[in-house]
Amino acid sequence: MSTTYRVTGMSCGGCSKSVTAAIQEIAPGAKVEVDLGDKAVTVDGADEAQVRQAVDSAGFGFEGRV
């Protein structure tokens, strides 16, 4: 089941790659889709705590579920 989260501070492809890599490092095999326009990340294969930890460690703001 996929869940979408609001993530602030993302503005470019590099940001997207950083967030994706951070989530997949904590939850290998997770499917991650980043929407820079909506400042959202949709994740399948990681729980909210894992996503929060990954986003924080990558230096972005985690605002919870959309």
PDB file of N, CA and C in Angstrom:
ATOM      1  N   MET A   1       0.844  -1.172   0.000  1.00  0.00           N
ATOM      2  CA  MET A   1       0.000   0.000   0.000  1.00  0.00           C
ATOM      3  C   MET A   1       0.895   1.243   0.000  1.00  0.00           C
ATOM      4  N   SER A   2       0.615   2.159  -0.886  1.00  0.00           N
ATOM      5  CA  SER A   2       1.422   3.370  -0.957  1.00  0.00           C
ATOM      6  C   SER A   2       0.757   4.496  -0.168  1.00  0.00           C
ATOM      7  N   THR A   3       1.617   5.358   0.375  1.00  0.00           N
ATOM      8  CA  THR A   3       1.172   6.501   1.156  1.00  0.00           C
ATOM      9  C   THR A   3       1.923   7.726   0.662  1.00  0.00           C
ATOM     10  N   THR A   4       1.239   8.864   0.605  1.00  0.00           N
ATOM     11  CA  THR A   4       1.846  10.104   0.147  1.00  0.00           C
ATOM     12  C   THR A   4       2.073  11.026   1.335  1.00  0.00           C
ATOM     13  N   TYR A   5       3.268  11.619   1.362  1.00  0.00           N
ATOM     14  CA  TYR A   5       3.679  12.509   2.448  1.00  0.00           C
ATOM     15  C   TYR A   5       4.095  13.857   1.871  1.00  0.00           C
ATOM     16  N   ARG A   6       3.868  14.915   2.619  1.00  0.00           N
ATOM     17  CA  ARG A   6       4.321  16.255   2.242  1.00  0.00           C
ATOM     18  C   ARG A   6       5.754  16.406   2.741  1.00  0.00           C
ATOM     19  N   VAL A   7       6.652  16.829   1.834  1.00  0.00           N
ATOM     20  CA  VAL A   7       8.061  17.035   2.162  1.00  0.00           C
ATOM     21  C   VAL A   7       8.466  18.414   1.659  1.00  0.00           C
ATOM     22  N   THR A   8       8.948  19.255   2.546  1.00  0.00           N
ATOM     23  CA  THR A   8       9.327  20.612   2.174  1.00  0.00           C
ATOM     24  C   THR A   8      10.829  20.699   1.912  1.00  0.00           C
ATOM     25  N   GLY A   9      11.188  21.702   1.125  1.00  0.00           N
ATOM     26  CA  GLY A   9      12.591  21.956   0.849  1.00  0.00           C
ATOM     27  C   GLY A   9      13.105  21.348  -0.435  1.00  0.00           C
ATOM     28  N   MET A  10      12.280  20.561  -1.117  1.00  0.00           N
ATOM     29  CA  MET A  10      12.696  19.951  -2.382  1.00  0.00           C
ATOM     30  C   MET A  10      12.451  20.932  -3.516  1.00  0.00           C
ATOM     31  N   SER A  11      13.467  21.115  -4.386  1.00  0.00           N
ATOM     32  CA  SER A  11      13.283  22.066  -5.477  1.00  0.00           C
ATOM     33  C   SER A  11      13.892  21.624  -6.800  1.00  0.00           C
ATOM     34  N   CYS A  12      14.564  20.469  -6.824  1.00  0.00           N
ATOM     35  CA  CYS A  12      15.239  20.073  -8.055  1.00  0.00           C
ATOM     36  C   CYS A  12      15.377  18.552  -8.128  1.00  0.00           C
ATOM     37  N   GLY A  13      15.906  18.106  -9.258  1.00  0.00           N
ATOM     38  CA  GLY A  13      16.120  16.676  -9.451  1.00  0.00           C
ATOM     39  C   GLY A  13      17.089  16.093  -8.444  1.00  0.00           C
ATOM     40  N   GLY A  14      18.074  16.880  -8.039  1.00  0.00           N
ATOM     41  CA  GLY A  14      19.024  16.417  -7.024  1.00  0.00           C
ATOM     42  C   GLY A  14      18.342  16.162  -5.697  1.00  0.00           C
ATOM     43  N   CYS A  15      17.402  17.037  -5.350  1.00  0.00           N
ATOM     44  CA  CYS A  15      16.622  16.855  -4.118  1.00  0.00           C
ATOM     45  C   CYS A  15      15.820  15.556  -4.197  1.00  0.00           C
ATOM     46  N   SER A  16      15.204  15.348  -5.339  1.00  0.00           N
ATOM     47  CA  SER A  16      14.412  14.139  -5.558  1.00  0.00           C
ATOM     48  C   SER A  16      15.271  12.891  -5.385  1.00  0.00           C
ATOM     49  N   LYS A  17      16.451  12.904  -5.973  1.00  0.00           N
ATOM     50  CA  LYS A  17      17.363  11.758  -5.859  1.00  0.00           C
ATOM     51  C   LYS A  17      17.814  11.558  -4.421  1.00  0.00           C
ATOM     52  N   SER A  18      18.085  12.643  -3.698  1.00  0.00           N
ATOM     53  CA  SER A  18      18.527  12.540  -2.307  1.00  0.00           C
ATOM     54  C   SER A  18      17.457  11.916  -1.425  1.00  0.00           C
ATOM     55  N   VAL A  19      16.221  12.377  -1.585  1.00  0.00           N
ATOM     56  CA  VAL A  19      15.114  11.845  -0.789  1.00  0.00           C
ATOM     57  C   VAL A  19      14.882  10.372  -1.128  1.00  0.00           C
ATOM     58  N   THR A  20      14.876  10.049  -2.403  1.00  0.00           N
ATOM     59  CA  THR A  20      14.677   8.662  -2.826  1.00  0.00           C
ATOM     60  C   THR A  20      15.753   7.758  -2.256  1.00  0.00           C
ATOM     61  N   ALA A  21      17.007   8.165  -2.386  1.00  0.00           N
ATOM     62  CA  ALA A  21      18.127   7.356  -1.887  1.00  0.00           C
ATOM     63  C   ALA A  21      18.050   7.178  -0.378  1.00  0.00           C
ATOM     64  N   ALA A  22      17.691   8.237   0.343  1.00  0.00           N
ATOM     65  CA  ALA A  22      17.609   8.156   1.802  1.00  0.00           C
ATOM     66  C   ALA A  22      16.523   7.174   2.242  1.00  0.00           C
ATOM     67  N   ILE A  23      15.375   7.209   1.571  1.00  0.00           N
ATOM     68  CA  ILE A  23      14.289   6.282   1.919  1.00  0.00           C
ATOM     69  C   ILE A  23      14.693   4.851   1.588  1.00  0.00           C
ATOM     70  N   GLN A  24      15.291   4.651   0.422  1.00  0.00           N
ATOM     71  CA  GLN A  24      15.665   3.299   0.018  1.00  0.00           C
ATOM     72  C   GLN A  24      16.826   2.749   0.840  1.00  0.00           C
ATOM     73  N   GLU A  25      17.622   3.616   1.434  1.00  0.00           N
ATOM     74  CA  GLU A  25      18.684   3.149   2.320  1.00  0.00           C
ATOM     75  C   GLU A  25      18.092   2.572   3.602  1.00  0.00           C
ATOM     76  N   ILE A  26      17.058   3.218   4.120  1.00  0.00           N
ATOM     77  CA  ILE A  26      16.407   2.762   5.350  1.00  0.00           C
ATOM     78  C   ILE A  26      15.460   1.594   5.073  1.00  0.00           C
ATOM     79  N   ALA A  27      14.816   1.622   3.908  1.00  0.00           N
ATOM     80  CA  ALA A  27      13.856   0.567   3.533  1.00  0.00           C
ATOM     81  C   ALA A  27      14.201   0.059   2.134  1.00  0.00           C
ATOM     82  N   PRO A  28      15.222  -0.809   2.039  1.00  0.00           N
ATOM     83  CA  PRO A  28      15.612  -1.325   0.722  1.00  0.00           C
ATOM     84  C   PRO A  28      14.415  -1.967   0.010  1.00  0.00           C
ATOM     85  N   GLY A  29      14.288  -1.684  -1.255  1.00  0.00           N
ATOM     86  CA  GLY A  29      13.192  -2.236  -2.027  1.00  0.00           C
ATOM     87  C   GLY A  29      11.943  -1.373  -2.033  1.00  0.00           C
ATOM     88  N   ALA A  30      11.935  -0.298  -1.244  1.00  0.00           N
ATOM     89  CA  ALA A  30      10.767   0.586  -1.232  1.00  0.00           C
ATOM     90  C   ALA A  30      10.641   1.268  -2.587  1.00  0.00           C
ATOM     91  N   LYS A  31       9.409   1.429  -3.033  1.00  0.00           N
ATOM     92  CA  LYS A  31       9.138   2.163  -4.265  1.00  0.00           C
ATOM     93  C   LYS A  31       8.846   3.607  -3.871  1.00  0.00           C
ATOM     94  N   VAL A  32       9.588   4.545  -4.475  1.00  0.00           N
ATOM     95  CA  VAL A  32       9.477   5.960  -4.110  1.00  0.00           C
ATOM     96  C   VAL A  32       9.209   6.781  -5.363  1.00  0.00           C
ATOM     97  N   GLU A  33       8.203   7.646  -5.293  1.00  0.00           N
ATOM     98  CA  GLU A  33       7.895   8.584  -6.373  1.00  0.00           C
ATOM     99  C   GLU A  33       7.839   9.979  -5.776  1.00  0.00           C
ATOM    100  N   VAL A  34       8.634  10.890  -6.339  1.00  0.00           N
ATOM    101  CA  VAL A  34       8.688  12.259  -5.851  1.00  0.00           C
ATOM    102  C   VAL A  34       7.973  13.177  -6.838  1.00  0.00           C
ATOM    103  N   ASP A  35       7.115  14.048  -6.323  1.00  0.00           N
ATOM    104  CA  ASP A  35       6.430  15.058  -7.122  1.00  0.00           C
ATOM    105  C   ASP A  35       6.898  16.415  -6.623  1.00  0.00           C
ATOM    106  N   LEU A  36       7.866  16.999  -7.324  1.00  0.00           N
ATOM    107  CA  LEU A  36       8.428  18.278  -6.891  1.00  0.00           C
ATOM    108  C   LEU A  36       7.387  19.391  -6.891  1.00  0.00           C
ATOM    109  N   GLY A  37       6.488  19.385  -7.862  1.00  0.00           N
ATOM    110  CA  GLY A  37       5.465  20.422  -7.954  1.00  0.00           C
ATOM    111  C   GLY A  37       4.546  20.452  -6.749  1.00  0.00           C
ATOM    112  N   ASP A  38       4.178  19.282  -6.266  1.00  0.00           N
ATOM    113  CA  ASP A  38       3.289  19.187  -5.107  1.00  0.00           C
ATOM    114  C   ASP A  38       4.042  19.070  -3.795  1.00  0.00           C
ATOM    115  N   LYS A  39       5.385  19.020  -3.874  1.00  0.00           N
ATOM    116  CA  LYS A  39       6.217  18.828  -2.672  1.00  0.00           C
ATOM    117  C   LYS A  39       5.760  17.579  -1.922  1.00  0.00           C
ATOM    118  N   ALA A  40       5.606  16.491  -2.681  1.00  0.00           N
ATOM    119  CA  ALA A  40       5.089  15.261  -2.103  1.00  0.00           C
ATOM    120  C   ALA A  40       5.945  14.066  -2.501  1.00  0.00           C
ATOM    121  N   VAL A  41       5.944  13.077  -1.620  1.00  0.00           N
ATOM    122  CA  VAL A  41       6.653  11.826  -1.864  1.00  0.00           C
ATOM    123  C   VAL A  41       5.667  10.699  -1.607  1.00  0.00           C
ATOM    124  N   THR A  42       5.499   9.816  -2.586  1.00  0.00           N
ATOM    125  CA  THR A  42       4.639   8.653  -2.434  1.00  0.00           C
ATOM    126  C   THR A  42       5.540   7.438  -2.263  1.00  0.00           C
ATOM    127  N   VAL A  43       5.289   6.673  -1.205  1.00  0.00           N
ATOM    128  CA  VAL A  43       6.162   5.565  -0.847  1.00  0.00           C
ATOM    129  C   VAL A  43       5.346   4.296  -0.659  1.00  0.00           C
ATOM    130  N   ASP A  44       5.845   3.214  -1.214  1.00  0.00           N
ATOM    131  CA  ASP A  44       5.277   1.880  -1.014  1.00  0.00           C
ATOM    132  C   ASP A  44       6.406   0.999  -0.514  1.00  0.00           C
ATOM    133  N   GLY A  45       6.264   0.439   0.666  1.00  0.00           N
ATOM    134  CA  GLY A  45       7.282  -0.455   1.193  1.00  0.00           C
ATOM    135  C   GLY A  45       8.071   0.114   2.359  1.00  0.00           C
ATOM    136  N   ALA A  46       7.593   1.215   2.937  1.00  0.00           N
ATOM    137  CA  ALA A  46       8.215   1.802   4.128  1.00  0.00           C
ATOM    138  C   ALA A  46       7.116   2.420   4.979  1.00  0.00           C
ATOM    139  N   ASP A  47       7.270   2.337   6.298  1.00  0.00           N
ATOM    140  CA  ASP A  47       6.254   2.937   7.159  1.00  0.00           C
ATOM    141  C   ASP A  47       6.575   4.410   7.415  1.00  0.00           C
ATOM    142  N   GLU A  48       5.647   5.107   8.032  1.00  0.00           N
ATOM    143  CA  GLU A  48       5.783   6.549   8.232  1.00  0.00           C
ATOM    144  C   GLU A  48       7.022   6.909   9.045  1.00  0.00           C
ATOM    145  N   ALA A  49       7.337   6.130  10.059  1.00  0.00           N
ATOM    146  CA  ALA A  49       8.518   6.417  10.884  1.00  0.00           C
ATOM    147  C   ALA A  49       9.799   6.317  10.058  1.00  0.00           C
ATOM    148  N   GLN A  50       9.866   5.321   9.179  1.00  0.00           N
ATOM    149  CA  GLN A  50      11.039   5.168   8.318  1.00  0.00           C
ATOM    150  C   GLN A  50      11.163   6.340   7.354  1.00  0.00           C
ATOM    151  N   VAL A  51      10.046   6.748   6.773  1.00  0.00           N
ATOM    152  CA  VAL A  51      10.064   7.866   5.830  1.00  0.00           C
ATOM    153  C   VAL A  51      10.467   9.143   6.545  1.00  0.00           C
ATOM    154  N   ARG A  52       9.918   9.385   7.713  1.00  0.00           N
ATOM    155  CA  ARG A  52      10.267  10.582   8.495  1.00  0.00           C
ATOM    156  C   ARG A  52      11.768  10.595   8.793  1.00  0.00           C
ATOM    157  N   GLN A  53      12.289   9.486   9.245  1.00  0.00           N
ATOM    158  CA  GLN A  53      13.715   9.392   9.573  1.00  0.00           C
ATOM    159  C   GLN A  53      14.571   9.665   8.339  1.00  0.00           C
ATOM    160  N   ALA A  54      14.194   9.085   7.214  1.00  0.00           N
ATOM    161  CA  ALA A  54      14.960   9.255   5.977  1.00  0.00           C
ATOM    162  C   ALA A  54      14.920  10.697   5.493  1.00  0.00           C
ATOM    163  N   VAL A  55      13.747  11.300   5.494  1.00  0.00           N
ATOM    164  CA  VAL A  55      13.595  12.680   5.027  1.00  0.00           C
ATOM    165  C   VAL A  55      14.391  13.624   5.934  1.00  0.00           C
ATOM    166  N   ASP A  56      14.286  13.426   7.240  1.00  0.00           N
ATOM    167  CA  ASP A  56      15.042  14.254   8.181  1.00  0.00           C
ATOM    168  C   ASP A  56      16.545  14.101   7.965  1.00  0.00           C
ATOM    169  N   SER A  57      17.004  12.860   7.779  1.00  0.00           N
ATOM    170  CA  SER A  57      18.442  12.631   7.610  1.00  0.00           C
ATOM    171  C   SER A  57      18.963  13.220   6.299  1.00  0.00           C
ATOM    172  N   ALA A  58      18.084  13.354   5.305  1.00  0.00           N
ATOM    173  CA  ALA A  58      18.475  13.944   4.022  1.00  0.00           C
ATOM    174  C   ALA A  58      18.428  15.478   4.065  1.00  0.00           C
ATOM    175  N   GLY A  59      17.931  16.037   5.171  1.00  0.00           N
ATOM    176  CA  GLY A  59      17.920  17.483   5.336  1.00  0.00           C
ATOM    177  C   GLY A  59      16.679  18.198   4.833  1.00  0.00           C
ATOM    178  N   PHE A  60      15.580  17.462   4.685  1.00  0.00           N
ATOM    179  CA  PHE A  60      14.335  18.058   4.220  1.00  0.00           C
ATOM    180  C   PHE A  60      13.308  18.029   5.342  1.00  0.00           C
ATOM    181  N   GLY A  61      12.202  18.740   5.151  1.00  0.00           N
ATOM    182  CA  GLY A  61      11.159  18.815   6.174  1.00  0.00           C
ATOM    183  C   GLY A  61      10.045  17.822   5.921  1.00  0.00           C
ATOM    184  N   PHE A  62       9.744  17.013   6.924  1.00  0.00           N
ATOM    185  CA  PHE A  62       8.661  16.029   6.845  1.00  0.00           C
ATOM    186  C   PHE A  62       7.430  16.622   7.503  1.00  0.00           C
ATOM    187  N   GLU A  63       6.330  16.748   6.758  1.00  0.00           N
ATOM    188  CA  GLU A  63       5.106  17.342   7.299  1.00  0.00           C
ATOM    189  C   GLU A  63       3.963  16.352   7.463  1.00  0.00           C
ATOM    190  N   GLY A  64       4.217  15.079   7.210  1.00  0.00           N
ATOM    191  CA  GLY A  64       3.182  14.074   7.433  1.00  0.00           C
ATOM    192  C   GLY A  64       2.412  13.725   6.168  1.00  0.00           C
ATOM    193  N   ARG A  65       1.354  12.957   6.385  1.00  0.00           N
ATOM    194  CA  ARG A  65       0.550  12.457   5.266  1.00  0.00           C
ATOM    195  C   ARG A  65      -0.214  13.588   4.584  1.00  0.00           C
ATOM    196  N   VAL A  66      -0.386  13.402   3.277  1.00  0.00           N
ATOM    197  CA  VAL A  66      -1.155  14.374   2.490  1.00  0.00           C
ATOM    198  C   VAL A  66      -2.616  14.023   2.608  1.00  0.00           C
TER     199      VAL A  66
END
